[in-house]
Each structure stands twice: as C-alpha cells, then as structure tokens.
Amino acid sequence: MHANDLFESITRQLVSDIESGAAGDWRMPWHALADGGLPTSIDLRPYRGANAVWLAMVGAARGWSTGVFGTYRAWQRHGCQVRRGERSTYVILWKPTTPK
C-alpha cells in the first residue's frame, strides 16, 4: 500500500468515526493518546505522528486495553504467539534518505 493510500484510508476512517460517533460514546483517538500515552512497539519504541493516531484508532476499534504493537517476528522474539485470526494493520515506515 502506498503512503498516500494509507493517509486517505486514515482520513476516511477518522471522518466516518467522528460523524457516526456524534451521538454515541465514540472517543477520538487523540484523547486516548493523552490519557494512555503513545502506542509503542513491543520493543518499547513509541510510534509518532500519523502512526500514533492510526494505531490508537485501531486499538480502540478492536477493544484493546493496551497500545502495544509489533510484527509477528517481534512477538516471537519476546516469547509470544499471535492469536489465530488476528489481522495486521499498516504503518508508515519513515526513513531519511539521501538523493543519489
């Protein structure tokens, strides 16, 4: 998935959640970030920027009580097994590059 496609997906989801949550108990993910801190990787690295907002939304939508995320191999390194049927989500990998 291209980063622009992910940004569009995040924007659509945010707008949809805000519109449908106006009468309900939906909580904007940045409020959860303020309460619980940034989502982190299982290696304790905090996610930042759009990834932090996106992963807070994913965690809230799936009813998770913690904001800890990781790759399948990262969970294995820590002696954990991903539950059968769990689905992955996209994040944006940002790396500074030098033009050639």
Foldseek 3Di string as FASTA:
>chain_A
DDPVVVVVVLVVVQVVQCVVCPPHDDDQLVVVCVVANFQAEPVGHGDDDPQRRVLSVVCVVVVHPHRYHYDQVVCVVVVHHDDPPDDDDDDDDDDDDDDD
